[in-house]
Amino acid sequence: MRLALRQILSKNGFDVIGEAADGVLAVDFCRQSRPDLVTMDILMPNMDGLEALRQIKTIDSSIKVIVVSAMGQRKNVMDALSLGAENFIVKPFDEVKITRVLSALEFGAGLKP
């Protein structure tokens, strides 16, 4: 999933500056690098995406977070949105779905690729 997402983001003009294998590493990366945008699975080892999202928004509330979830995780998606996630992508995803979410985020938040 990370490789496919990286390729789609790069193809759409975004500079992918890092990846994290789990929630703890994602939070550490955000603390050090302060990225403009984070895409993050809700289900991750060591720290789930909801707790990672909570901590990332505490570090810097301007970091835009798009959560990725499997079908059937509606409650988790709603929880993520209430914690400050800007949007979500449901797996399986494709370039069209991701581009649609990125376009909405760019238009609404002034995010630049």
N, C-alpha and C. Protein backbone atom coordinates (compact mmCIF):
# COMPACT_ATOMS: atom_id res chain seq x y z
N MET A 1 0.82 -1.19 0.00
CA MET A 1 0.00 0.00 0.00
C MET A 1 0.86 1.26 0.00
N ARG A 2 1.91 1.29 0.83
CA ARG A 2 2.75 2.49 0.90
C ARG A 2 3.41 2.80 -0.44
N LEU A 3 3.88 1.76 -1.12
CA LEU A 3 4.54 1.97 -2.41
C LEU A 3 3.56 2.53 -3.43
N ALA A 4 2.36 1.97 -3.50
CA ALA A 4 1.36 2.47 -4.44
C ALA A 4 1.00 3.91 -4.13
N LEU A 5 0.83 4.22 -2.87
CA LEU A 5 0.49 5.58 -2.47
C LEU A 5 1.62 6.54 -2.80
N ARG A 6 2.84 6.13 -2.53
CA ARG A 6 4.02 6.95 -2.85
C ARG A 6 4.05 7.27 -4.35
N GLN A 7 3.82 6.26 -5.18
CA GLN A 7 3.86 6.46 -6.63
C GLN A 7 2.76 7.42 -7.09
N ILE A 8 1.58 7.27 -6.55
CA ILE A 8 0.47 8.14 -6.94
C ILE A 8 0.73 9.57 -6.50
N LEU A 9 1.20 9.75 -5.27
CA LEU A 9 1.50 11.10 -4.78
C LEU A 9 2.60 11.74 -5.62
N SER A 10 3.65 11.00 -5.90
CA SER A 10 4.76 11.54 -6.70
C SER A 10 4.28 11.91 -8.10
N LYS A 11 3.48 11.05 -8.69
CA LYS A 11 2.95 11.30 -10.04
C LYS A 11 2.10 12.57 -10.07
N ASN A 12 1.48 12.91 -8.95
CA ASN A 12 0.63 14.09 -8.87
C ASN A 12 1.36 15.32 -8.33
N GLY A 13 2.68 15.27 -8.33
CA GLY A 13 3.47 16.45 -8.01
C GLY A 13 3.84 16.64 -6.55
N PHE A 14 3.57 15.66 -5.71
CA PHE A 14 3.91 15.78 -4.30
C PHE A 14 5.30 15.20 -4.05
N ASP A 15 6.08 15.84 -3.20
CA ASP A 15 7.37 15.31 -2.79
C ASP A 15 7.15 14.44 -1.57
N VAL A 16 7.39 13.16 -1.70
CA VAL A 16 7.26 12.23 -0.58
C VAL A 16 8.58 12.26 0.18
N ILE A 17 8.54 12.79 1.41
CA ILE A 17 9.79 13.01 2.15
C ILE A 17 10.06 11.93 3.19
N GLY A 18 9.15 10.98 3.35
CA GLY A 18 9.40 9.92 4.31
C GLY A 18 8.27 8.93 4.39
N GLU A 19 8.55 7.83 5.06
CA GLU A 19 7.56 6.78 5.31
C GLU A 19 7.80 6.25 6.72
N ALA A 20 6.76 5.73 7.31
CA ALA A 20 6.87 5.14 8.64
C ALA A 20 6.14 3.81 8.66
N ALA A 21 6.75 2.82 9.27
CA ALA A 21 6.18 1.48 9.30
C ALA A 21 5.15 1.29 10.41
N ASP A 22 5.09 2.21 11.36
CA ASP A 22 4.11 2.09 12.45
C ASP A 22 3.76 3.47 12.99
N GLY A 23 2.81 3.49 13.91
CA GLY A 23 2.34 4.76 14.46
C GLY A 23 3.38 5.53 15.24
N VAL A 24 4.20 4.83 15.99
CA VAL A 24 5.25 5.50 16.78
C VAL A 24 6.22 6.21 15.85
N LEU A 25 6.65 5.53 14.80
CA LEU A 25 7.58 6.14 13.84
C LEU A 25 6.92 7.29 13.09
N ALA A 26 5.62 7.18 12.81
CA ALA A 26 4.91 8.27 12.13
C ALA A 26 4.89 9.53 12.99
N VAL A 27 4.62 9.37 14.27
CA VAL A 27 4.61 10.52 15.19
C VAL A 27 6.00 11.12 15.29
N ASP A 28 7.02 10.29 15.44
CA ASP A 28 8.40 10.79 15.52
C ASP A 28 8.78 11.53 14.25
N PHE A 29 8.40 10.98 13.10
CA PHE A 29 8.71 11.63 11.83
C PHE A 29 8.05 13.01 11.75
N CYS A 30 6.79 13.08 12.16
CA CYS A 30 6.08 14.37 12.12
C CYS A 30 6.69 15.38 13.09
N ARG A 31 7.13 14.90 14.22
CA ARG A 31 7.76 15.78 15.20
C ARG A 31 9.04 16.39 14.62
N GLN A 32 9.80 15.60 13.89
CA GLN A 32 11.08 16.06 13.35
C GLN A 32 10.94 16.82 12.03
N SER A 33 10.04 16.38 11.16
CA SER A 33 10.01 16.90 9.78
C SER A 33 8.88 17.87 9.48
N ARG A 34 7.84 17.86 10.30
CA ARG A 34 6.69 18.74 10.08
C ARG A 34 6.21 18.76 8.62
N PRO A 35 5.77 17.61 8.11
CA PRO A 35 5.30 17.55 6.72
C PRO A 35 3.99 18.33 6.55
N ASP A 36 3.68 18.70 5.33
CA ASP A 36 2.41 19.36 5.03
C ASP A 36 1.26 18.37 5.07
N LEU A 37 1.53 17.14 4.63
CA LEU A 37 0.50 16.14 4.46
C LEU A 37 1.00 14.78 4.93
N VAL A 38 0.11 14.06 5.63
CA VAL A 38 0.40 12.69 6.07
C VAL A 38 -0.75 11.81 5.60
N THR A 39 -0.42 10.68 4.98
CA THR A 39 -1.43 9.66 4.71
C THR A 39 -1.08 8.50 5.64
N MET A 40 -2.09 7.99 6.33
CA MET A 40 -1.79 7.03 7.39
C MET A 40 -2.92 6.03 7.54
N ASP A 41 -2.56 4.76 7.61
CA ASP A 41 -3.53 3.71 7.84
C ASP A 41 -4.04 3.80 9.27
N ILE A 42 -5.28 3.45 9.47
CA ILE A 42 -5.83 3.44 10.83
C ILE A 42 -5.25 2.27 11.62
N LEU A 43 -5.08 1.13 10.96
CA LEU A 43 -4.56 -0.05 11.64
C LEU A 43 -3.06 -0.15 11.40
N MET A 44 -2.27 0.10 12.44
CA MET A 44 -0.81 0.03 12.37
C MET A 44 -0.29 -0.62 13.64
N PRO A 45 0.89 -1.23 13.55
CA PRO A 45 1.48 -1.82 14.76
C PRO A 45 2.03 -0.76 15.71
N ASN A 46 2.21 -1.14 16.94
CA ASN A 46 2.82 -0.34 18.02
C ASN A 46 1.98 0.85 18.49
N MET A 47 1.31 1.53 17.60
CA MET A 47 0.40 2.61 17.96
C MET A 47 -0.59 2.73 16.80
N ASP A 48 -1.88 2.63 17.09
CA ASP A 48 -2.83 2.69 15.98
C ASP A 48 -2.91 4.10 15.39
N GLY A 49 -3.53 4.18 14.23
CA GLY A 49 -3.62 5.45 13.52
C GLY A 49 -4.38 6.52 14.26
N LEU A 50 -5.36 6.14 15.07
CA LEU A 50 -6.13 7.14 15.81
C LEU A 50 -5.27 7.81 16.87
N GLU A 51 -4.50 7.03 17.60
CA GLU A 51 -3.61 7.62 18.61
C GLU A 51 -2.50 8.42 17.93
N ALA A 52 -1.97 7.91 16.83
CA ALA A 52 -0.94 8.65 16.10
C ALA A 52 -1.50 9.98 15.59
N LEU A 53 -2.71 9.96 15.07
CA LEU A 53 -3.37 11.19 14.61
C LEU A 53 -3.51 12.19 15.75
N ARG A 54 -3.97 11.71 16.89
CA ARG A 54 -4.13 12.57 18.07
C ARG A 54 -2.80 13.25 18.42
N GLN A 55 -1.73 12.47 18.44
CA GLN A 55 -0.42 13.03 18.80
C GLN A 55 0.12 13.96 17.71
N ILE A 56 -0.08 13.61 16.45
CA ILE A 56 0.39 14.47 15.35
C ILE A 56 -0.31 15.83 15.41
N LYS A 57 -1.59 15.84 15.64
CA LYS A 57 -2.34 17.11 15.72
C LYS A 57 -1.91 17.92 16.93
N THR A 58 -1.45 17.26 17.99
CA THR A 58 -0.93 17.97 19.16
C THR A 58 0.43 18.60 18.83
N ILE A 59 1.24 17.89 18.07
CA ILE A 59 2.55 18.40 17.66
C ILE A 59 2.38 19.63 16.78
N ASP A 60 1.52 19.53 15.77
CA ASP A 60 1.31 20.63 14.83
C ASP A 60 -0.06 20.46 14.18
N SER A 61 -1.01 21.25 14.60
CA SER A 61 -2.38 21.10 14.11
C SER A 61 -2.52 21.45 12.63
N SER A 62 -1.51 22.09 12.03
CA SER A 62 -1.61 22.44 10.62
C SER A 62 -1.22 21.29 9.69
N ILE A 63 -0.66 20.20 10.24
CA ILE A 63 -0.34 19.04 9.40
C ILE A 63 -1.66 18.41 8.95
N LYS A 64 -1.81 18.28 7.65
CA LYS A 64 -3.02 17.67 7.08
C LYS A 64 -2.86 16.16 7.11
N VAL A 65 -3.90 15.47 7.59
CA VAL A 65 -3.84 14.01 7.71
C VAL A 65 -5.01 13.41 6.94
N ILE A 66 -4.67 12.47 6.06
CA ILE A 66 -5.67 11.67 5.36
C ILE A 66 -5.52 10.25 5.88
N VAL A 67 -6.58 9.70 6.43
CA VAL A 67 -6.51 8.34 6.96
C VAL A 67 -6.94 7.35 5.88
N VAL A 68 -6.34 6.19 5.94
CA VAL A 68 -6.64 5.11 5.01
C VAL A 68 -7.24 3.98 5.83
N SER A 69 -8.37 3.45 5.36
CA SER A 69 -9.01 2.39 6.12
C SER A 69 -9.58 1.34 5.18
N ALA A 70 -9.79 0.16 5.73
CA ALA A 70 -10.45 -0.90 4.98
C ALA A 70 -11.95 -0.68 5.06
N MET A 71 -12.65 -1.26 4.11
CA MET A 71 -14.11 -1.19 4.17
C MET A 71 -14.56 -1.81 5.48
N GLY A 72 -15.63 -1.29 6.04
CA GLY A 72 -16.16 -1.82 7.27
C GLY A 72 -15.59 -1.18 8.52
N GLN A 73 -14.79 -0.14 8.36
CA GLN A 73 -14.21 0.55 9.52
C GLN A 73 -14.84 1.93 9.70
N ARG A 74 -16.12 2.02 9.45
CA ARG A 74 -16.81 3.32 9.49
C ARG A 74 -16.61 4.04 10.82
N LYS A 75 -16.72 3.33 11.94
CA LYS A 75 -16.56 3.97 13.24
C LYS A 75 -15.15 4.56 13.37
N ASN A 76 -14.13 3.81 12.96
CA ASN A 76 -12.77 4.32 13.04
C ASN A 76 -12.59 5.56 12.17
N VAL A 77 -13.18 5.55 10.98
CA VAL A 77 -13.08 6.72 10.09
C VAL A 77 -13.75 7.92 10.75
N MET A 78 -14.93 7.72 11.31
CA MET A 78 -15.64 8.83 11.97
C MET A 78 -14.83 9.34 13.16
N ASP A 79 -14.23 8.44 13.92
CA ASP A 79 -13.37 8.85 15.04
C ASP A 79 -12.19 9.67 14.53
N ALA A 80 -11.58 9.22 13.43
CA ALA A 80 -10.43 9.95 12.87
C ALA A 80 -10.84 11.35 12.42
N LEU A 81 -11.98 11.46 11.77
CA LEU A 81 -12.45 12.78 11.34
C LEU A 81 -12.72 13.68 12.54
N SER A 82 -13.26 13.11 13.60
CA SER A 82 -13.53 13.93 14.79
C SER A 82 -12.23 14.34 15.50
N LEU A 83 -11.15 13.58 15.29
CA LEU A 83 -9.85 13.92 15.88
C LEU A 83 -9.06 14.91 15.02
N GLY A 84 -9.60 15.25 13.85
CA GLY A 84 -8.94 16.26 13.03
C GLY A 84 -8.43 15.80 11.69
N ALA A 85 -8.66 14.54 11.32
CA ALA A 85 -8.25 14.11 9.97
C ALA A 85 -9.04 14.92 8.95
N GLU A 86 -8.37 15.32 7.88
CA GLU A 86 -9.02 16.13 6.87
C GLU A 86 -9.91 15.31 5.94
N ASN A 87 -9.55 14.05 5.72
CA ASN A 87 -10.32 13.22 4.81
C ASN A 87 -9.90 11.77 5.01
N PHE A 88 -10.48 10.88 4.21
CA PHE A 88 -10.15 9.47 4.31
C PHE A 88 -10.19 8.82 2.94
N ILE A 89 -9.48 7.73 2.81
CA ILE A 89 -9.47 6.91 1.60
C ILE A 89 -9.78 5.49 2.04
N VAL A 90 -10.73 4.85 1.35
CA VAL A 90 -11.10 3.47 1.68
C VAL A 90 -10.34 2.51 0.76
N LYS A 91 -9.74 1.48 1.37
CA LYS A 91 -9.06 0.44 0.59
C LYS A 91 -10.10 -0.55 0.08
N PRO A 92 -9.91 -1.13 -1.06
CA PRO A 92 -8.79 -0.88 -1.97
C PRO A 92 -8.98 0.47 -2.66
N PHE A 93 -7.87 1.15 -2.88
CA PHE A 93 -7.95 2.46 -3.52
C PHE A 93 -7.27 2.41 -4.88
N ASP A 94 -7.54 3.44 -5.66
CA ASP A 94 -6.87 3.58 -6.95
C ASP A 94 -6.50 5.05 -7.13
N GLU A 95 -5.83 5.34 -8.20
CA GLU A 95 -5.35 6.70 -8.43
C GLU A 95 -6.49 7.71 -8.50
N VAL A 96 -7.61 7.32 -9.08
CA VAL A 96 -8.74 8.25 -9.20
C VAL A 96 -9.26 8.65 -7.82
N LYS A 97 -9.43 7.68 -6.93
CA LYS A 97 -9.91 7.99 -5.57
C LYS A 97 -8.94 8.92 -4.85
N ILE A 98 -7.66 8.61 -4.94
CA ILE A 98 -6.66 9.41 -4.23
C ILE A 98 -6.59 10.82 -4.81
N THR A 99 -6.61 10.92 -6.13
CA THR A 99 -6.56 12.23 -6.78
C THR A 99 -7.76 13.07 -6.39
N ARG A 100 -8.92 12.45 -6.28
CA ARG A 100 -10.13 13.16 -5.87
C ARG A 100 -9.99 13.73 -4.45
N VAL A 101 -9.47 12.93 -3.54
CA VAL A 101 -9.28 13.39 -2.16
C VAL A 101 -8.23 14.49 -2.10
N LEU A 102 -7.13 14.32 -2.83
CA LEU A 102 -6.08 15.35 -2.85
C LEU A 102 -6.59 16.65 -3.44
N SER A 103 -7.37 16.57 -4.50
CA SER A 103 -7.92 17.78 -5.12
C SER A 103 -8.83 18.52 -4.16
N ALA A 104 -9.66 17.79 -3.44
CA ALA A 104 -10.54 18.42 -2.46
C ALA A 104 -9.73 19.09 -1.36
N LEU A 105 -8.67 18.45 -0.93
CA LEU A 105 -7.82 18.99 0.12
C LEU A 105 -7.07 20.23 -0.38
N GLU A 106 -6.54 20.17 -1.59
CA GLU A 106 -5.83 21.31 -2.17
C GLU A 106 -6.76 22.51 -2.30
N PHE A 107 -7.95 22.27 -2.79
CA PHE A 107 -8.91 23.35 -3.01
C PHE A 107 -9.35 23.96 -1.68
N GLY A 108 -9.62 23.10 -0.70
CA GLY A 108 -10.15 23.59 0.57
C GLY A 108 -9.12 24.14 1.53
N ALA A 109 -7.87 23.69 1.41
CA ALA A 109 -6.89 24.06 2.42
C ALA A 109 -5.66 24.76 1.87
N GLY A 110 -5.64 25.03 0.60
CA GLY A 110 -4.49 25.70 0.03
C GLY A 110 -3.24 24.84 0.01
N LEU A 111 -3.40 23.53 0.06
CA LEU A 111 -2.26 22.63 0.02
C LEU A 111 -1.65 22.66 -1.36
N LYS A 112 -0.34 22.72 -1.42
CA LYS A 112 0.35 22.78 -2.71
C LYS A 112 1.15 21.51 -2.93
N PRO A 113 1.03 20.94 -4.15
CA PRO A 113 1.84 19.75 -4.44
C PRO A 113 3.31 20.12 -4.52
